[in-house]
Amino acid sequence: MSTATPILHLATEADWAAADIAYTPSGLAEDGFVHCSAPHQIATVAEARFAGRTDLVLLTIDPNLLTAPVVWEDLAGEGEDFPHVYGPIERAAVLEVRPYRPGPDGHFPRPL
């Protein structure tokens, strides 16, 4: 997977607002990396991990602006690689932050 492709991360509004120079979610300490997704994966991830949440923001990240390595890997053994950031996400690497809410049917939309 090309490092030129933006990657996405879901955060709560509160966690993103609390980030200073870099965003360090709890997953980094727990798993050793920040879980991210490709654009075509994000809705599925949101449904599986954040069903019913209405306080999410979608971070669009330029992996070339991160100081931490990005590794595409299939740690779940399900046949699909996901981008994992092995360090904090610098705010300067975040190209866009926008609300990410489920639709009236409760399902999350695919980003444009």
PDB file of N, CA and C in Angstrom:
ATOM      1  N   MET A   1       0.851  -1.174   0.000  1.00  0.00           N
ATOM      2  CA  MET A   1       0.000   0.000   0.000  1.00  0.00           C
ATOM      3  C   MET A   1       0.894   1.232   0.000  1.00  0.00           C
ATOM      4  N   SER A   2       0.545   2.177  -0.788  1.00  0.00           N
ATOM      5  CA  SER A   2       1.351   3.388  -0.929  1.00  0.00           C
ATOM      6  C   SER A   2       1.263   4.264   0.306  1.00  0.00           C
ATOM      7  N   THR A   3       2.376   4.865   0.684  1.00  0.00           N
ATOM      8  CA  THR A   3       2.350   5.803   1.804  1.00  0.00           C
ATOM      9  C   THR A   3       1.763   7.141   1.386  1.00  0.00           C
ATOM     10  N   ALA A   4       1.495   7.323   0.085  1.00  0.00           N
ATOM     11  CA  ALA A   4       0.886   8.568  -0.389  1.00  0.00           C
ATOM     12  C   ALA A   4      -0.615   8.578  -0.119  1.00  0.00           C
ATOM     13  N   THR A   5      -1.208   7.419   0.136  1.00  0.00           N
ATOM     14  CA  THR A   5      -2.630   7.318   0.401  1.00  0.00           C
ATOM     15  C   THR A   5      -2.930   7.813   1.809  1.00  0.00           C
ATOM     16  N   PRO A   6      -3.830   8.780   1.964  1.00  0.00           N
ATOM     17  CA  PRO A   6      -4.189   9.197   3.323  1.00  0.00           C
ATOM     18  C   PRO A   6      -4.801   8.026   4.089  1.00  0.00           C
ATOM     19  N   ILE A   7      -4.569   8.017   5.380  1.00  0.00           N
ATOM     20  CA  ILE A   7      -5.178   7.019   6.241  1.00  0.00           C
ATOM     21  C   ILE A   7      -6.137   7.731   7.186  1.00  0.00           C
ATOM     22  N   LEU A   8      -7.050   6.977   7.774  1.00  0.00           N
ATOM     23  CA  LEU A   8      -8.093   7.552   8.616  1.00  0.00           C
ATOM     24  C   LEU A   8      -8.036   6.961  10.015  1.00  0.00           C
ATOM     25  N   HIS A   9      -8.464   7.773  10.979  1.00  0.00           N
ATOM     26  CA  HIS A   9      -8.550   7.312  12.360  1.00  0.00           C
ATOM     27  C   HIS A   9      -9.790   7.923  12.983  1.00  0.00           C
ATOM     28  N   LEU A  10     -10.501   7.130  13.782  1.00  0.00           N
ATOM     29  CA  LEU A  10     -11.660   7.623  14.517  1.00  0.00           C
ATOM     30  C   LEU A  10     -11.250   7.952  15.943  1.00  0.00           C
ATOM     31  N   ALA A  11     -11.644   9.139  16.380  1.00  0.00           N
ATOM     32  CA  ALA A  11     -11.363   9.588  17.739  1.00  0.00           C
ATOM     33  C   ALA A  11     -12.637  10.190  18.320  1.00  0.00           C
ATOM     34  N   THR A  12     -12.715  10.245  19.627  1.00  0.00           N
ATOM     35  CA  THR A  12     -13.827  10.986  20.212  1.00  0.00           C
ATOM     36  C   THR A  12     -13.494  12.469  20.136  1.00  0.00           C
ATOM     37  N   GLU A  13     -14.511  13.283  20.104  1.00  0.00           N
ATOM     38  CA  GLU A  13     -14.295  14.730  20.075  1.00  0.00           C
ATOM     39  C   GLU A  13     -13.454  15.171  21.267  1.00  0.00           C
ATOM     40  N   ALA A  14     -13.736  14.612  22.443  1.00  0.00           N
ATOM     41  CA  ALA A  14     -13.020  15.002  23.658  1.00  0.00           C
ATOM     42  C   ALA A  14     -11.542  14.619  23.589  1.00  0.00           C
ATOM     43  N   ASP A  15     -11.249  13.413  23.115  1.00  0.00           N
ATOM     44  CA  ASP A  15      -9.853  12.983  23.024  1.00  0.00           C
ATOM     45  C   ASP A  15      -9.077  13.844  22.031  1.00  0.00           C
ATOM     46  N   TRP A  16      -9.685  14.162  20.893  1.00  0.00           N
ATOM     47  CA  TRP A  16      -9.002  14.989  19.902  1.00  0.00           C
ATOM     48  C   TRP A  16      -8.792  16.401  20.453  1.00  0.00           C
ATOM     49  N   ALA A  17      -9.807  16.955  21.121  1.00  0.00           N
ATOM     50  CA  ALA A  17      -9.696  18.307  21.677  1.00  0.00           C
ATOM     51  C   ALA A  17      -8.596  18.385  22.739  1.00  0.00           C
ATOM     52  N   ALA A  18      -8.352  17.282  23.428  1.00  0.00           N
ATOM     53  CA  ALA A  18      -7.335  17.264  24.484  1.00  0.00           C
ATOM     54  C   ALA A  18      -5.918  17.116  23.944  1.00  0.00           C
ATOM     55  N   ALA A  19      -5.794  16.762  22.669  1.00  0.00           N
ATOM     56  CA  ALA A  19      -4.460  16.569  22.083  1.00  0.00           C
ATOM     57  C   ALA A  19      -3.744  17.900  21.955  1.00  0.00           C
ATOM     58  N   ASP A  20      -2.470  17.909  22.301  1.00  0.00           N
ATOM     59  CA  ASP A  20      -1.665  19.118  22.206  1.00  0.00           C
ATOM     60  C   ASP A  20      -0.912  19.083  20.874  1.00  0.00           C
ATOM     61  N   ILE A  21       0.361  18.862  20.913  1.00  0.00           N
ATOM     62  CA  ILE A  21       1.173  18.787  19.700  1.00  0.00           C
ATOM     63  C   ILE A  21       0.920  17.473  18.971  1.00  0.00           C
ATOM     64  N   ALA A  22       0.635  16.431  19.748  1.00  0.00           N
ATOM     65  CA  ALA A  22       0.385  15.113  19.162  1.00  0.00           C
ATOM     66  C   ALA A  22      -0.803  14.459  19.862  1.00  0.00           C
ATOM     67  N   TYR A  23      -1.466  13.614  19.131  1.00  0.00           N
ATOM     68  CA  TYR A  23      -2.605  12.853  19.628  1.00  0.00           C
ATOM     69  C   TYR A  23      -2.106  11.462  19.985  1.00  0.00           C
ATOM     70  N   THR A  24      -2.352  11.070  21.230  1.00  0.00           N
ATOM     71  CA  THR A  24      -1.886   9.778  21.720  1.00  0.00           C
ATOM     72  C   THR A  24      -3.069   9.031  22.325  1.00  0.00           C
ATOM     73  N   PRO A  25      -3.802   8.264  21.522  1.00  0.00           N
ATOM     74  CA  PRO A  25      -4.956   7.538  22.060  1.00  0.00           C
ATOM     75  C   PRO A  25      -4.534   6.400  22.974  1.00  0.00           C
ATOM     76  N   SER A  26      -5.472   5.926  23.782  1.00  0.00           N
ATOM     77  CA  SER A  26      -5.175   4.841  24.725  1.00  0.00           C
ATOM     78  C   SER A  26      -4.709   3.573  24.012  1.00  0.00           C
ATOM     79  N   GLY A  27      -5.153   3.379  22.777  1.00  0.00           N
ATOM     80  CA  GLY A  27      -4.741   2.193  22.017  1.00  0.00           C
ATOM     81  C   GLY A  27      -3.246   2.106  21.820  1.00  0.00           C
ATOM     82  N   LEU A  28      -2.567   3.255  21.801  1.00  0.00           N
ATOM     83  CA  LEU A  28      -1.119   3.239  21.622  1.00  0.00           C
ATOM     84  C   LEU A  28      -0.442   2.539  22.804  1.00  0.00           C
ATOM     85  N   ALA A  29      -0.867   2.868  24.016  1.00  0.00           N
ATOM     86  CA  ALA A  29      -0.288   2.225  25.197  1.00  0.00           C
ATOM     87  C   ALA A  29      -0.722   0.765  25.311  1.00  0.00           C
ATOM     88  N   GLU A  30      -1.962   0.501  24.959  1.00  0.00           N
ATOM     89  CA  GLU A  30      -2.504  -0.857  25.095  1.00  0.00           C
ATOM     90  C   GLU A  30      -1.959  -1.814  24.035  1.00  0.00           C
ATOM     91  N   ASP A  31      -1.920  -1.360  22.790  1.00  0.00           N
ATOM     92  CA  ASP A  31      -1.560  -2.236  21.669  1.00  0.00           C
ATOM     93  C   ASP A  31      -0.173  -1.980  21.091  1.00  0.00           C
ATOM     94  N   GLY A  32       0.400  -0.824  21.405  1.00  0.00           N
ATOM     95  CA  GLY A  32       1.705  -0.476  20.868  1.00  0.00           C
ATOM     96  C   GLY A  32       1.623   0.272  19.547  1.00  0.00           C
ATOM     97  N   PHE A  33       0.416   0.545  19.069  1.00  0.00           N
ATOM     98  CA  PHE A  33       0.220   1.282  17.826  1.00  0.00           C
ATOM     99  C   PHE A  33      -1.161   1.932  17.847  1.00  0.00           C
ATOM    100  N   VAL A  34      -1.366   2.873  16.932  1.00  0.00           N
ATOM    101  CA  VAL A  34      -2.662   3.527  16.762  1.00  0.00           C
ATOM    102  C   VAL A  34      -3.379   2.840  15.605  1.00  0.00           C
ATOM    103  N   HIS A  35      -4.581   2.369  15.870  1.00  0.00           N
ATOM    104  CA  HIS A  35      -5.389   1.719  14.834  1.00  0.00           C
ATOM    105  C   HIS A  35      -5.865   2.753  13.829  1.00  0.00           C
ATOM    106  N   CYS A  36      -5.617   2.511  12.558  1.00  0.00           N
ATOM    107  CA  CYS A  36      -6.104   3.373  11.488  1.00  0.00           C
ATOM    108  C   CYS A  36      -6.747   2.495  10.422  1.00  0.00           C
ATOM    109  N   SER A  37      -7.315   3.154   9.426  1.00  0.00           N
ATOM    110  CA  SER A  37      -7.994   2.440   8.347  1.00  0.00           C
ATOM    111  C   SER A  37      -7.757   3.138   7.029  1.00  0.00           C
ATOM    112  N   ALA A  38      -7.939   2.400   5.958  1.00  0.00           N
ATOM    113  CA  ALA A  38      -8.018   2.985   4.629  1.00  0.00           C
ATOM    114  C   ALA A  38      -9.440   3.527   4.477  1.00  0.00           C
ATOM    115  N   PRO A  39      -9.664   4.459   3.563  1.00  0.00           N
ATOM    116  CA  PRO A  39     -11.015   5.015   3.408  1.00  0.00           C
ATOM    117  C   PRO A  39     -12.105   3.957   3.201  1.00  0.00           C
ATOM    118  N   HIS A  40     -11.823   2.906   2.444  1.00  0.00           N
ATOM    119  CA  HIS A  40     -12.857   1.900   2.202  1.00  0.00           C
ATOM    120  C   HIS A  40     -13.134   1.022   3.419  1.00  0.00           C
ATOM    121  N   GLN A  41     -12.308   1.097   4.456  1.00  0.00           N
ATOM    122  CA  GLN A  41     -12.465   0.261   5.645  1.00  0.00           C
ATOM    123  C   GLN A  41     -13.169   0.973   6.803  1.00  0.00           C
ATOM    124  N   ILE A  42     -13.217   2.282   6.780  1.00  0.00           N
ATOM    125  CA  ILE A  42     -13.596   3.041   7.981  1.00  0.00           C
ATOM    126  C   ILE A  42     -15.031   2.801   8.433  1.00  0.00           C
ATOM    127  N   ALA A  43     -15.982   2.708   7.522  1.00  0.00           N
ATOM    128  CA  ALA A  43     -17.374   2.498   7.924  1.00  0.00           C
ATOM    129  C   ALA A  43     -17.541   1.145   8.621  1.00  0.00           C
ATOM    130  N   THR A  44     -16.869   0.135   8.117  1.00  0.00           N
ATOM    131  CA  THR A  44     -16.943  -1.191   8.730  1.00  0.00           C
ATOM    132  C   THR A  44     -16.343  -1.173  10.134  1.00  0.00           C
ATOM    133  N   VAL A  45     -15.223  -0.484  10.285  1.00  0.00           N
ATOM    134  CA  VAL A  45     -14.585  -0.362  11.601  1.00  0.00           C
ATOM    135  C   VAL A  45     -15.494   0.400  12.562  1.00  0.00           C
ATOM    136  N   ALA A  46     -16.085   1.483  12.097  1.00  0.00           N
ATOM    137  CA  ALA A  46     -16.978   2.279  12.945  1.00  0.00           C
ATOM    138  C   ALA A  46     -18.160   1.440  13.419  1.00  0.00           C
ATOM    139  N   GLU A  47     -18.732   0.663  12.519  1.00  0.00           N
ATOM    140  CA  GLU A  47     -19.873  -0.188  12.882  1.00  0.00           C
ATOM    141  C   GLU A  47     -19.470  -1.219  13.943  1.00  0.00           C
ATOM    142  N   ALA A  48     -18.294  -1.802  13.776  1.00  0.00           N
ATOM    143  CA  ALA A  48     -17.848  -2.858  14.685  1.00  0.00           C
ATOM    144  C   ALA A  48     -17.414  -2.333  16.048  1.00  0.00           C
ATOM    145  N   ARG A  49     -16.770  -1.166  16.074  1.00  0.00           N
ATOM    146  CA  ARG A  49     -16.167  -0.686  17.330  1.00  0.00           C
ATOM    147  C   ARG A  49     -16.893   0.483  17.978  1.00  0.00           C
ATOM    148  N   PHE A  50     -17.701   1.213  17.209  1.00  0.00           N
ATOM    149  CA  PHE A  50     -18.296   2.443  17.732  1.00  0.00           C
ATOM    150  C   PHE A  50     -19.800   2.543  17.492  1.00  0.00           C
ATOM    151  N   ALA A  51     -20.484   1.435  17.369  1.00  0.00           N
ATOM    152  CA  ALA A  51     -21.932   1.451  17.119  1.00  0.00           C
ATOM    153  C   ALA A  51     -22.641   2.308  18.162  1.00  0.00           C
ATOM    154  N   GLY A  52     -23.515   3.178  17.682  1.00  0.00           N
ATOM    155  CA  GLY A  52     -24.303   4.034  18.574  1.00  0.00           C
ATOM    156  C   GLY A  52     -23.615   5.302  19.031  1.00  0.00           C
ATOM    157  N   ARG A  53     -22.332   5.459  18.752  1.00  0.00           N
ATOM    158  CA  ARG A  53     -21.604   6.655  19.187  1.00  0.00           C
ATOM    159  C   ARG A  53     -21.929   7.834  18.279  1.00  0.00           C
ATOM    160  N   THR A  54     -22.120   8.986  18.885  1.00  0.00           N
ATOM    161  CA  THR A  54     -22.403  10.200  18.120  1.00  0.00           C
ATOM    162  C   THR A  54     -21.398  11.306  18.425  1.00  0.00           C
ATOM    163  N   ASP A  55     -20.297  10.937  19.056  1.00  0.00           N
ATOM    164  CA  ASP A  55     -19.289  11.930  19.458  1.00  0.00           C
ATOM    165  C   ASP A  55     -17.944  11.685  18.772  1.00  0.00           C
ATOM    166  N   LEU A  56     -17.973  11.138  17.563  1.00  0.00           N
ATOM    167  CA  LEU A  56     -16.732  10.796  16.869  1.00  0.00           C
ATOM    168  C   LEU A  56     -16.326  11.864  15.872  1.00  0.00           C
ATOM    169  N   VAL A  57     -15.010  11.967  15.682  1.00  0.00           N
ATOM    170  CA  VAL A  57     -14.457  12.763  14.593  1.00  0.00           C
ATOM    171  C   VAL A  57     -13.585  11.844  13.755  1.00  0.00           C
ATOM    172  N   LEU A  58     -13.550  12.146  12.469  1.00  0.00           N
ATOM    173  CA  LEU A  58     -12.756  11.379  11.524  1.00  0.00           C
ATOM    174  C   LEU A  58     -11.514  12.187  11.185  1.00  0.00           C
ATOM    175  N   LEU A  59     -10.354  11.629  11.499  1.00  0.00           N
ATOM    176  CA  LEU A  59      -9.080  12.282  11.203  1.00  0.00           C
ATOM    177  C   LEU A  59      -8.553  11.737   9.875  1.00  0.00           C
ATOM    178  N   THR A  60      -8.237  12.632   8.959  1.00  0.00           N
ATOM    179  CA  THR A  60      -7.577  12.255   7.719  1.00  0.00           C
ATOM    180  C   THR A  60      -6.107  12.596   7.893  1.00  0.00           C
ATOM    181  N   ILE A  61      -5.259  11.592   7.784  1.00  0.00           N
ATOM    182  CA  ILE A  61      -3.845  11.710   8.131  1.00  0.00           C
ATOM    183  C   ILE A  61      -2.970  11.474   6.899  1.00  0.00           C
ATOM    184  N   ASP A  62      -1.985  12.335   6.720  1.00  0.00           N
ATOM    185  CA  ASP A  62      -0.979  12.129   5.679  1.00  0.00           C
ATOM    186  C   ASP A  62       0.150  11.320   6.304  1.00  0.00           C
ATOM    187  N   PRO A  63       0.296  10.048   5.949  1.00  0.00           N
ATOM    188  CA  PRO A  63       1.332   9.222   6.568  1.00  0.00           C
ATOM    189  C   PRO A  63       2.746   9.725   6.322  1.00  0.00           C
ATOM    190  N   ASN A  64       2.936  10.512   5.255  1.00  0.00           N
ATOM    191  CA  ASN A  64       4.268  11.049   4.975  1.00  0.00           C
ATOM    192  C   ASN A  64       4.681  12.144   5.949  1.00  0.00           C
ATOM    193  N   LEU A  65       3.724  12.692   6.691  1.00  0.00           N
ATOM    194  CA  LEU A  65       4.027  13.748   7.652  1.00  0.00           C
ATOM    195  C   LEU A  65       4.186  13.228   9.079  1.00  0.00           C
ATOM    196  N   LEU A  66       4.024  11.935   9.264  1.00  0.00           N
ATOM    197  CA  LEU A  66       4.203  11.325  10.589  1.00  0.00           C
ATOM    198  C   LEU A  66       5.677  11.023  10.837  1.00  0.00           C
ATOM    199  N   THR A  67       6.106  11.144  12.078  1.00  0.00           N
ATOM    200  CA  THR A  67       7.467  10.722  12.422  1.00  0.00           C
ATOM    201  C   THR A  67       7.491   9.244  12.795  1.00  0.00           C
ATOM    202  N   ALA A  68       6.354   8.708  13.226  1.00  0.00           N
ATOM    203  CA  ALA A  68       6.267   7.289  13.585  1.00  0.00           C
ATOM    204  C   ALA A  68       6.047   6.456  12.328  1.00  0.00           C
ATOM    205  N   PRO A  69       6.538   5.236  12.307  1.00  0.00           N
ATOM    206  CA  PRO A  69       6.319   4.377  11.146  1.00  0.00           C
ATOM    207  C   PRO A  69       4.865   3.931  11.027  1.00  0.00           C
ATOM    208  N   VAL A  70       4.432   3.785   9.785  1.00  0.00           N
ATOM    209  CA  VAL A  70       3.110   3.229   9.474  1.00  0.00           C
ATOM    210  C   VAL A  70       3.356   1.861   8.845  1.00  0.00           C
ATOM    211  N   VAL A  71       2.743   0.851   9.440  1.00  0.00           N
ATOM    212  CA  VAL A  71       2.908  -0.516   8.946  1.00  0.00           C
ATOM    213  C   VAL A  71       1.528  -1.058   8.588  1.00  0.00           C
ATOM    214  N   TRP A  72       1.393  -1.526   7.359  1.00  0.00           N
ATOM    215  CA  TRP A  72       0.151  -2.158   6.914  1.00  0.00           C
ATOM    216  C   TRP A  72       0.267  -3.632   7.248  1.00  0.00           C
ATOM    217  N   GLU A  73      -0.663  -4.114   8.100  1.00  0.00           N
ATOM    218  CA  GLU A  73      -0.575  -5.499   8.522  1.00  0.00           C
ATOM    219  C   GLU A  73      -1.944  -6.074   8.866  1.00  0.00           C
ATOM    220  N   ASP A  74      -2.019  -7.388   8.809  1.00  0.00           N
ATOM    221  CA  ASP A  74      -3.240  -8.131   9.122  1.00  0.00           C
ATOM    222  C   ASP A  74      -3.008  -8.868  10.436  1.00  0.00           C
ATOM    223  N   LEU A  75      -3.138  -8.173  11.537  1.00  0.00           N
ATOM    224  CA  LEU A  75      -2.876  -8.785  12.841  1.00  0.00           C
ATOM    225  C   LEU A  75      -4.015  -9.686  13.292  1.00  0.00           C
ATOM    226  N   ALA A  76      -5.209  -9.481  12.743  1.00  0.00           N
ATOM    227  CA  ALA A  76      -6.356 -10.316  13.111  1.00  0.00           C
ATOM    228  C   ALA A  76      -6.410 -11.604  12.295  1.00  0.00           C
ATOM    229  N   GLY A  77      -5.573 -11.699  11.259  1.00  0.00           N
ATOM    230  CA  GLY A  77      -5.561 -12.890  10.433  1.00  0.00           C
ATOM    231  C   GLY A  77      -6.819 -13.060   9.591  1.00  0.00           C
ATOM    232  N   GLU A  78      -7.416 -11.948   9.206  1.00  0.00           N
ATOM    233  CA  GLU A  78      -8.661 -11.992   8.436  1.00  0.00           C
ATOM    234  C   GLU A  78      -8.457 -11.719   6.950  1.00  0.00           C
ATOM    235  N   GLY A  79      -7.204 -11.607   6.519  1.00  0.00           N
ATOM    236  CA  GLY A  79      -6.938 -11.430   5.102  1.00  0.00           C
ATOM    237  C   GLY A  79      -6.997 -10.001   4.609  1.00  0.00           C
ATOM    238  N   GLU A  80      -7.008  -9.041   5.513  1.00  0.00           N
ATOM    239  CA  GLU A  80      -7.040  -7.643   5.093  1.00  0.00           C
ATOM    240  C   GLU A  80      -6.045  -6.840   5.937  1.00  0.00           C
ATOM    241  N   ASP A  81      -5.179  -6.097   5.262  1.00  0.00           N
ATOM    242  CA  ASP A  81      -4.205  -5.259   5.954  1.00  0.00           C
ATOM    243  C   ASP A  81      -4.838  -3.936   6.371  1.00  0.00           C
ATOM    244  N   PHE A  82      -4.462  -3.472   7.568  1.00  0.00           N
ATOM    245  CA  PHE A  82      -4.869  -2.171   8.086  1.00  0.00           C
ATOM    246  C   PHE A  82      -3.612  -1.379   8.418  1.00  0.00           C
ATOM    247  N   PRO A  83      -3.660  -0.060   8.269  1.00  0.00           N
ATOM    248  CA  PRO A  83      -2.500   0.750   8.647  1.00  0.00           C
ATOM    249  C   PRO A  83      -2.447   0.943  10.161  1.00  0.00           C
ATOM    250  N   HIS A  84      -1.286   0.697  10.725  1.00  0.00           N
ATOM    251  CA  HIS A  84      -1.046   0.905  12.151  1.00  0.00           C
ATOM    252  C   HIS A  84       0.094   1.898  12.297  1.00  0.00           C
ATOM    253  N   VAL A  85      -0.128   2.914  13.113  1.00  0.00           N
ATOM    254  CA  VAL A  85       0.884   3.947  13.355  1.00  0.00           C
ATOM    255  C   VAL A  85       1.570   3.605  14.666  1.00  0.00           C
ATOM    256  N   TYR A  86       2.864   3.348  14.608  1.00  0.00           N
ATOM    257  CA  TYR A  86       3.626   2.929  15.781  1.00  0.00           C
ATOM    258  C   TYR A  86       4.221   4.120  16.519  1.00  0.00           C
ATOM    259  N   GLY A  87       3.339   5.014  16.954  1.00  0.00           N
ATOM    260  CA  GLY A  87       3.722   6.193  17.716  1.00  0.00           C
ATOM    261  C   GLY A  87       2.583   7.197  17.691  1.00  0.00           C
ATOM    262  N   PRO A  88       2.761   8.327  18.361  1.00  0.00           N
ATOM    263  CA  PRO A  88       1.722   9.353  18.377  1.00  0.00           C
ATOM    264  C   PRO A  88       1.483   9.935  16.974  1.00  0.00           C
ATOM    265  N   ILE A  89       0.318  10.517  16.814  1.00  0.00           N
ATOM    266  CA  ILE A  89      -0.041  11.181  15.563  1.00  0.00           C
ATOM    267  C   ILE A  89       0.111  12.686  15.772  1.00  0.00           C
ATOM    268  N   GLU A  90       1.087  13.263  15.099  1.00  0.00           N
ATOM    269  CA  GLU A  90       1.297  14.709  15.225  1.00  0.00           C
ATOM    270  C   GLU A  90       0.131  15.452  14.584  1.00  0.00           C
ATOM    271  N   ARG A  91      -0.295  16.519  15.234  1.00  0.00           N
ATOM    272  CA  ARG A  91      -1.391  17.328  14.697  1.00  0.00           C
ATOM    273  C   ARG A  91      -1.050  17.846  13.298  1.00  0.00           C
ATOM    274  N   ALA A  92       0.214  18.129  13.042  1.00  0.00           N
ATOM    275  CA  ALA A  92       0.629  18.641  11.734  1.00  0.00           C
ATOM    276  C   ALA A  92       0.408  17.620  10.618  1.00  0.00           C
ATOM    277  N   ALA A  93       0.285  16.343  10.955  1.00  0.00           N
ATOM    278  CA  ALA A  93       0.059  15.303   9.951  1.00  0.00           C
ATOM    279  C   ALA A  93      -1.427  15.106   9.647  1.00  0.00           C
ATOM    280  N   VAL A  94      -2.282  15.744  10.445  1.00  0.00           N
ATOM    281  CA  VAL A  94      -3.725  15.598  10.265  1.00  0.00           C
ATOM    282  C   VAL A  94      -4.202  16.657   9.280  1.00  0.00           C
ATOM    283  N   LEU A  95      -4.668  16.206   8.136  1.00  0.00           N
ATOM    284  CA  LEU A  95      -5.079  17.101   7.059  1.00  0.00           C
ATOM    285  C   LEU A  95      -6.495  17.635   7.254  1.00  0.00           C
ATOM    286  N   GLU A  96      -7.336  16.832   7.896  1.00  0.00           N
ATOM    287  CA  GLU A  96      -8.742  17.219   8.073  1.00  0.00           C
ATOM    288  C   GLU A  96      -9.309  16.523   9.293  1.00  0.00           C
ATOM    289  N   VAL A  97     -10.185  17.232  10.001  1.00  0.00           N
ATOM    290  CA  VAL A  97     -10.932  16.668  11.122  1.00  0.00           C
ATOM    291  C   VAL A  97     -12.387  17.042  10.881  1.00  0.00           C
ATOM    292  N   ARG A  98     -13.236  16.032  10.834  1.00  0.00           N
ATOM    293  CA  ARG A  98     -14.658  16.338  10.636  1.00  0.00           C
ATOM    294  C   ARG A  98     -15.509  15.381  11.464  1.00  0.00           C
ATOM    295  N   PRO A  99     -16.700  15.844  11.850  1.00  0.00           N
ATOM    296  CA  PRO A  99     -17.598  14.963  12.600  1.00  0.00           C
ATOM    297  C   PRO A  99     -17.925  13.715  11.777  1.00  0.00           C
ATOM    298  N   TYR A 100     -18.074  12.619  12.471  1.00  0.00           N
ATOM    299  CA  TYR A 100     -18.424  11.356  11.802  1.00  0.00           C
ATOM    300  C   TYR A 100     -19.553  10.724  12.605  1.00  0.00           C
ATOM    301  N   ARG A 101     -20.749  10.846  12.068  1.00  0.00           N
ATOM    302  CA  ARG A 101     -21.952  10.417  12.769  1.00  0.00           C
ATOM    303  C   ARG A 101     -22.671   9.320  11.984  1.00  0.00           C
ATOM    304  N   PRO A 102     -23.364   8.448  12.717  1.00  0.00           N
ATOM    305  CA  PRO A 102     -24.192   7.473  12.004  1.00  0.00           C
ATOM    306  C   PRO A 102     -25.394   8.175  11.379  1.00  0.00           C
ATOM    307  N   GLY A 103     -25.915   7.578  10.314  1.00  0.00           N
ATOM    308  CA  GLY A 103     -27.100   8.113   9.668  1.00  0.00           C
ATOM    309  C   GLY A 103     -28.348   7.752  10.458  1.00  0.00           C
ATOM    310  N   PRO A 104     -29.510   8.162   9.970  1.00  0.00           N
ATOM    311  CA  PRO A 104     -30.776   7.865  10.660  1.00  0.00           C
ATOM    312  C   PRO A 104     -31.011   6.366  10.869  1.00  0.00           C
ATOM    313  N   ASP A 105     -30.423   5.547  10.007  1.00  0.00           N
ATOM    314  CA  ASP A 105     -30.576   4.092  10.137  1.00  0.00           C
ATOM    315  C   ASP A 105     -29.574   3.491  11.124  1.00  0.00           C
ATOM    316  N   GLY A 106     -28.717   4.338  11.714  1.00  0.00           N
ATOM    317  CA  GLY A 106     -27.734   3.863  12.681  1.00  0.00           C
ATOM    318  C   GLY A 106     -26.426   3.411  12.077  1.00  0.00           C
ATOM    319  N   HIS A 107     -26.328   3.391  10.768  1.00  0.00           N
ATOM    320  CA  HIS A 107     -25.107   2.956  10.094  1.00  0.00           C
ATOM    321  C   HIS A 107     -24.221   4.149   9.756  1.00  0.00           C
ATOM    322  N   PHE A 108     -22.921   3.931   9.827  1.00  0.00           N
ATOM    323  CA  PHE A 108     -21.966   4.975   9.494  1.00  0.00           C
ATOM    324  C   PHE A 108     -21.770   5.040   7.970  1.00  0.00           C
ATOM    325  N   PRO A 109     -21.645   6.249   7.443  1.00  0.00           N
ATOM    326  CA  PRO A 109     -21.462   6.378   5.986  1.00  0.00           C
ATOM    327  C   PRO A 109     -20.009   6.134   5.577  1.00  0.00           C
ATOM    328  N   ARG A 110     -19.823   5.801   4.333  1.00  0.00           N
ATOM    329  CA  ARG A 110     -18.474   5.743   3.774  1.00  0.00           C
ATOM    330  C   ARG A 110     -18.044   7.185   3.504  1.00  0.00           C
ATOM    331  N   PRO A 111     -16.830   7.549   3.858  1.00  0.00           N
ATOM    332  CA  PRO A 111     -16.387   8.923   3.595  1.00  0.00           C
ATOM    333  C   PRO A 111     -16.265   9.176   2.099  1.00  0.00           C
ATOM    334  N   LEU A 112     -16.432  10.437   1.728  1.00  0.00           N
ATOM    335  CA  LEU A 112     -16.332  10.808   0.318  1.00  0.00           C
ATOM    336  C   LEU A 112     -14.887  10.880  -0.110  1.00  0.00           C
TER     337      LEU A 112
END
